[in-house]
Amino acid sequence: DALREEGILGPDQAFWGLVLPASELSAVKDLVSCQRAALHEVRVRAAQSHKEQLPFLQERFKSLGFTDEHLRATLAWIQDLAPVIIHLDMDKCGPFLETD
């Protein structure tokens, strides 16, 4: 139910069940409704942006001599394996993190 509320439906649920560690799947269940709504909104916006920009990215890859398979592999690496680093101004964000 938690994954469905965030816009992760059908086959995608099985995929994320294989990819995400159990601790992360468990953490999803602990999110409150506003947090789930925020994740859903981010997923919707990301899907729309992906759909709009993919043709330009495909053309760019081809112009650089890469294939669609190279692009798929690159996007898969970014989605599943790339480390994510988020820079925060702790003076500004810290109080919000303490109370959320």
N, C-alpha and C. Protein backbone atom coordinates (compact mmCIF):
# COMPACT_ATOMS: atom_id res chain seq x y z
N ASP A 1 0.81 -1.21 0.00
CA ASP A 1 0.00 0.00 0.00
C ASP A 1 0.85 1.27 0.00
N ALA A 2 1.93 1.26 0.78
CA ALA A 2 2.79 2.45 0.87
C ALA A 2 3.41 2.76 -0.49
N LEU A 3 3.88 1.75 -1.19
CA LEU A 3 4.49 1.98 -2.51
C LEU A 3 3.44 2.48 -3.50
N ARG A 4 2.24 1.96 -3.42
CA ARG A 4 1.16 2.38 -4.32
C ARG A 4 0.84 3.86 -4.12
N GLU A 5 0.81 4.31 -2.86
CA GLU A 5 0.52 5.72 -2.57
C GLU A 5 1.57 6.65 -3.17
N GLU A 6 2.76 6.15 -3.35
CA GLU A 6 3.84 6.97 -3.89
C GLU A 6 3.94 6.86 -5.40
N GLY A 7 3.00 6.14 -6.01
CA GLY A 7 2.97 6.04 -7.46
C GLY A 7 3.77 4.89 -8.00
N ILE A 8 4.18 3.97 -7.16
CA ILE A 8 4.92 2.78 -7.60
C ILE A 8 3.89 1.67 -7.71
N LEU A 9 3.57 1.32 -8.96
CA LEU A 9 2.46 0.42 -9.21
C LEU A 9 2.91 -0.87 -9.89
N GLY A 10 2.10 -1.90 -9.77
CA GLY A 10 2.25 -3.16 -10.50
C GLY A 10 3.65 -3.72 -10.53
N PRO A 11 4.17 -3.94 -11.77
CA PRO A 11 5.49 -4.55 -11.92
C PRO A 11 6.61 -3.75 -11.27
N ASP A 12 6.42 -2.43 -11.18
CA ASP A 12 7.44 -1.60 -10.55
C ASP A 12 7.63 -1.96 -9.08
N GLN A 13 6.55 -2.38 -8.41
CA GLN A 13 6.66 -2.78 -7.01
C GLN A 13 7.59 -3.98 -6.87
N ALA A 14 7.43 -4.95 -7.76
CA ALA A 14 8.30 -6.14 -7.71
C ALA A 14 9.75 -5.74 -7.97
N PHE A 15 9.97 -4.84 -8.92
CA PHE A 15 11.33 -4.39 -9.24
C PHE A 15 11.97 -3.74 -8.02
N TRP A 16 11.25 -2.78 -7.40
CA TRP A 16 11.82 -2.08 -6.25
C TRP A 16 12.00 -3.03 -5.08
N GLY A 17 11.16 -4.04 -4.98
CA GLY A 17 11.32 -5.04 -3.93
C GLY A 17 12.63 -5.80 -4.07
N LEU A 18 13.09 -5.97 -5.32
CA LEU A 18 14.36 -6.65 -5.56
C LEU A 18 15.56 -5.72 -5.38
N VAL A 19 15.38 -4.46 -5.73
CA VAL A 19 16.50 -3.51 -5.76
C VAL A 19 16.78 -2.87 -4.40
N LEU A 20 15.72 -2.50 -3.70
CA LEU A 20 15.91 -1.78 -2.43
C LEU A 20 16.21 -2.72 -1.28
N PRO A 21 17.08 -2.31 -0.39
CA PRO A 21 17.30 -3.09 0.83
C PRO A 21 16.02 -3.14 1.66
N ALA A 22 15.85 -4.19 2.45
CA ALA A 22 14.66 -4.35 3.28
C ALA A 22 14.46 -3.15 4.21
N SER A 23 15.56 -2.59 4.69
CA SER A 23 15.45 -1.44 5.61
C SER A 23 14.79 -0.25 4.92
N GLU A 24 15.08 -0.04 3.63
CA GLU A 24 14.48 1.08 2.91
C GLU A 24 13.01 0.83 2.62
N LEU A 25 12.68 -0.42 2.26
CA LEU A 25 11.28 -0.74 2.05
C LEU A 25 10.49 -0.56 3.33
N SER A 26 11.09 -0.94 4.44
CA SER A 26 10.44 -0.77 5.74
C SER A 26 10.26 0.71 6.06
N ALA A 27 11.25 1.51 5.74
CA ALA A 27 11.17 2.95 6.01
C ALA A 27 10.04 3.60 5.23
N VAL A 28 9.77 3.11 4.04
CA VAL A 28 8.67 3.65 3.23
C VAL A 28 7.35 3.49 3.98
N LYS A 29 7.19 2.38 4.64
CA LYS A 29 5.94 2.12 5.37
C LYS A 29 5.77 3.09 6.54
N ASP A 30 6.85 3.64 7.05
CA ASP A 30 6.80 4.54 8.20
C ASP A 30 6.56 6.00 7.82
N LEU A 31 6.55 6.30 6.53
CA LEU A 31 6.33 7.68 6.11
C LEU A 31 4.90 8.11 6.40
N VAL A 32 4.73 9.37 6.75
CA VAL A 32 3.39 9.91 6.96
C VAL A 32 2.83 10.36 5.61
N SER A 33 1.55 10.65 5.59
CA SER A 33 0.87 10.92 4.31
C SER A 33 1.49 12.07 3.52
N CYS A 34 1.91 13.14 4.18
CA CYS A 34 2.50 14.27 3.44
C CYS A 34 3.84 13.88 2.82
N GLN A 35 4.60 13.00 3.48
CA GLN A 35 5.87 12.54 2.93
C GLN A 35 5.61 11.64 1.72
N ARG A 36 4.61 10.78 1.83
CA ARG A 36 4.25 9.92 0.69
C ARG A 36 3.77 10.75 -0.49
N ALA A 37 2.99 11.77 -0.20
CA ALA A 37 2.50 12.65 -1.25
C ALA A 37 3.66 13.37 -1.93
N ALA A 38 4.64 13.79 -1.15
CA ALA A 38 5.82 14.47 -1.73
C ALA A 38 6.59 13.52 -2.64
N LEU A 39 6.78 12.28 -2.21
CA LEU A 39 7.47 11.31 -3.06
C LEU A 39 6.69 11.04 -4.34
N HIS A 40 5.39 10.96 -4.23
CA HIS A 40 4.56 10.74 -5.42
C HIS A 40 4.72 11.91 -6.39
N GLU A 41 4.69 13.12 -5.88
CA GLU A 41 4.84 14.30 -6.73
C GLU A 41 6.20 14.32 -7.43
N VAL A 42 7.25 13.97 -6.71
CA VAL A 42 8.59 13.93 -7.31
C VAL A 42 8.65 12.87 -8.42
N ARG A 43 8.04 11.72 -8.18
CA ARG A 43 8.02 10.66 -9.19
C ARG A 43 7.25 11.10 -10.44
N VAL A 44 6.12 11.77 -10.26
CA VAL A 44 5.33 12.25 -11.39
C VAL A 44 6.13 13.27 -12.21
N ARG A 45 6.75 14.21 -11.51
CA ARG A 45 7.54 15.24 -12.21
C ARG A 45 8.75 14.63 -12.92
N ALA A 46 9.40 13.68 -12.27
CA ALA A 46 10.57 13.04 -12.88
C ALA A 46 10.17 12.25 -14.12
N ALA A 47 9.06 11.55 -14.06
CA ALA A 47 8.59 10.77 -15.21
C ALA A 47 8.27 11.69 -16.38
N GLN A 48 7.63 12.82 -16.11
CA GLN A 48 7.30 13.77 -17.17
C GLN A 48 8.56 14.37 -17.77
N SER A 49 9.50 14.76 -16.93
CA SER A 49 10.76 15.32 -17.41
C SER A 49 11.52 14.30 -18.25
N HIS A 50 11.55 13.06 -17.79
CA HIS A 50 12.22 11.99 -18.53
C HIS A 50 11.61 11.84 -19.92
N LYS A 51 10.29 11.81 -19.97
CA LYS A 51 9.57 11.64 -21.24
C LYS A 51 9.88 12.79 -22.21
N GLU A 52 9.93 14.01 -21.68
CA GLU A 52 10.19 15.19 -22.50
C GLU A 52 11.64 15.24 -23.00
N GLN A 53 12.58 14.88 -22.15
CA GLN A 53 14.00 15.08 -22.47
C GLN A 53 14.67 13.89 -23.14
N LEU A 54 14.08 12.70 -23.05
CA LEU A 54 14.72 11.51 -23.59
C LEU A 54 15.08 11.63 -25.07
N PRO A 55 14.20 12.14 -25.93
CA PRO A 55 14.59 12.26 -27.35
C PRO A 55 15.85 13.12 -27.56
N PHE A 56 15.97 14.21 -26.80
CA PHE A 56 17.15 15.06 -26.92
C PHE A 56 18.41 14.33 -26.44
N LEU A 57 18.26 13.58 -25.36
CA LEU A 57 19.38 12.82 -24.83
C LEU A 57 19.80 11.71 -25.79
N GLN A 58 18.82 11.05 -26.40
CA GLN A 58 19.14 10.01 -27.39
C GLN A 58 19.91 10.59 -28.57
N GLU A 59 19.47 11.74 -29.03
CA GLU A 59 20.16 12.39 -30.15
C GLU A 59 21.58 12.80 -29.75
N ARG A 60 21.73 13.30 -28.55
CA ARG A 60 23.05 13.71 -28.06
C ARG A 60 23.98 12.50 -27.97
N PHE A 61 23.49 11.38 -27.44
CA PHE A 61 24.30 10.17 -27.35
C PHE A 61 24.74 9.72 -28.74
N LYS A 62 23.81 9.73 -29.69
CA LYS A 62 24.13 9.31 -31.06
C LYS A 62 25.18 10.23 -31.68
N SER A 63 25.05 11.55 -31.43
CA SER A 63 26.01 12.49 -32.00
C SER A 63 27.41 12.30 -31.43
N LEU A 64 27.48 11.70 -30.25
CA LEU A 64 28.78 11.42 -29.62
C LEU A 64 29.30 10.02 -29.96
N GLY A 65 28.54 9.29 -30.79
CA GLY A 65 28.98 7.97 -31.23
C GLY A 65 28.54 6.82 -30.34
N PHE A 66 27.62 7.07 -29.44
CA PHE A 66 27.13 6.03 -28.55
C PHE A 66 25.80 5.48 -29.06
N THR A 67 25.46 4.29 -28.62
CA THR A 67 24.23 3.63 -29.06
C THR A 67 23.13 3.80 -28.00
N ASP A 68 21.92 3.39 -28.38
CA ASP A 68 20.82 3.40 -27.42
C ASP A 68 21.12 2.47 -26.26
N GLU A 69 21.84 1.38 -26.53
CA GLU A 69 22.20 0.45 -25.45
C GLU A 69 23.14 1.13 -24.45
N HIS A 70 24.06 1.94 -24.94
CA HIS A 70 24.93 2.70 -24.03
C HIS A 70 24.09 3.64 -23.16
N LEU A 71 23.12 4.29 -23.78
CA LEU A 71 22.25 5.20 -23.03
C LEU A 71 21.45 4.44 -21.97
N ARG A 72 20.87 3.30 -22.34
CA ARG A 72 20.11 2.51 -21.37
C ARG A 72 20.99 2.07 -20.20
N ALA A 73 22.21 1.64 -20.51
CA ALA A 73 23.13 1.22 -19.46
C ALA A 73 23.49 2.39 -18.55
N THR A 74 23.69 3.55 -19.13
CA THR A 74 24.03 4.74 -18.35
C THR A 74 22.88 5.13 -17.43
N LEU A 75 21.67 5.16 -17.99
CA LEU A 75 20.51 5.52 -17.17
C LEU A 75 20.26 4.49 -16.07
N ALA A 76 20.48 3.21 -16.37
CA ALA A 76 20.31 2.17 -15.35
C ALA A 76 21.32 2.35 -14.23
N TRP A 77 22.57 2.69 -14.59
CA TRP A 77 23.59 2.91 -13.56
C TRP A 77 23.21 4.11 -12.69
N ILE A 78 22.75 5.18 -13.32
CA ILE A 78 22.35 6.36 -12.55
C ILE A 78 21.20 6.01 -11.62
N GLN A 79 20.21 5.29 -12.12
CA GLN A 79 19.04 4.95 -11.31
C GLN A 79 19.37 4.01 -10.17
N ASP A 80 20.20 3.01 -10.42
CA ASP A 80 20.37 1.93 -9.45
C ASP A 80 21.66 1.97 -8.64
N LEU A 81 22.71 2.58 -9.18
CA LEU A 81 24.01 2.43 -8.54
C LEU A 81 24.73 3.73 -8.19
N ALA A 82 24.41 4.80 -8.88
CA ALA A 82 25.16 6.04 -8.67
C ALA A 82 24.97 6.56 -7.25
N PRO A 83 26.06 6.92 -6.59
CA PRO A 83 25.92 7.50 -5.25
C PRO A 83 25.26 8.87 -5.35
N VAL A 84 24.45 9.18 -4.38
CA VAL A 84 23.76 10.47 -4.34
C VAL A 84 24.35 11.28 -3.20
N ILE A 85 24.75 12.49 -3.52
CA ILE A 85 25.31 13.39 -2.52
C ILE A 85 24.42 14.63 -2.48
N ILE A 86 23.94 14.96 -1.30
CA ILE A 86 23.08 16.12 -1.13
C ILE A 86 23.79 17.09 -0.19
N HIS A 87 24.02 18.28 -0.69
CA HIS A 87 24.67 19.32 0.12
C HIS A 87 23.59 20.14 0.82
N LEU A 88 23.72 20.27 2.12
CA LEU A 88 22.76 21.02 2.92
C LEU A 88 23.45 22.10 3.71
N ASP A 89 22.78 23.20 3.85
CA ASP A 89 23.22 24.22 4.79
C ASP A 89 22.58 23.85 6.13
N MET A 90 23.35 23.23 7.01
CA MET A 90 22.80 22.71 8.26
C MET A 90 22.26 23.81 9.16
N ASP A 91 22.80 25.03 9.03
CA ASP A 91 22.26 26.13 9.83
C ASP A 91 20.82 26.44 9.42
N LYS A 92 20.53 26.31 8.12
CA LYS A 92 19.18 26.60 7.64
C LYS A 92 18.27 25.37 7.72
N CYS A 93 18.78 24.20 7.37
CA CYS A 93 17.96 22.99 7.27
C CYS A 93 17.94 22.15 8.54
N GLY A 94 18.96 22.27 9.36
CA GLY A 94 19.08 21.45 10.55
C GLY A 94 17.84 21.45 11.45
N PRO A 95 17.31 22.61 11.78
CA PRO A 95 16.13 22.61 12.65
C PRO A 95 14.94 21.84 12.05
N PHE A 96 14.77 21.91 10.73
CA PHE A 96 13.67 21.18 10.09
C PHE A 96 13.92 19.68 10.15
N LEU A 97 15.17 19.27 9.98
CA LEU A 97 15.51 17.85 10.04
C LEU A 97 15.30 17.30 11.43
N GLU A 98 15.54 18.12 12.44
CA GLU A 98 15.35 17.67 13.83
C GLU A 98 13.90 17.41 14.15
N THR A 99 13.00 18.17 13.54
CA THR A 99 11.57 18.05 13.88
C THR A 99 10.78 17.19 12.91
N ASP A 100 11.35 16.77 11.81
CA ASP A 100 10.62 15.98 10.82
C ASP A 100 10.86 14.49 11.07
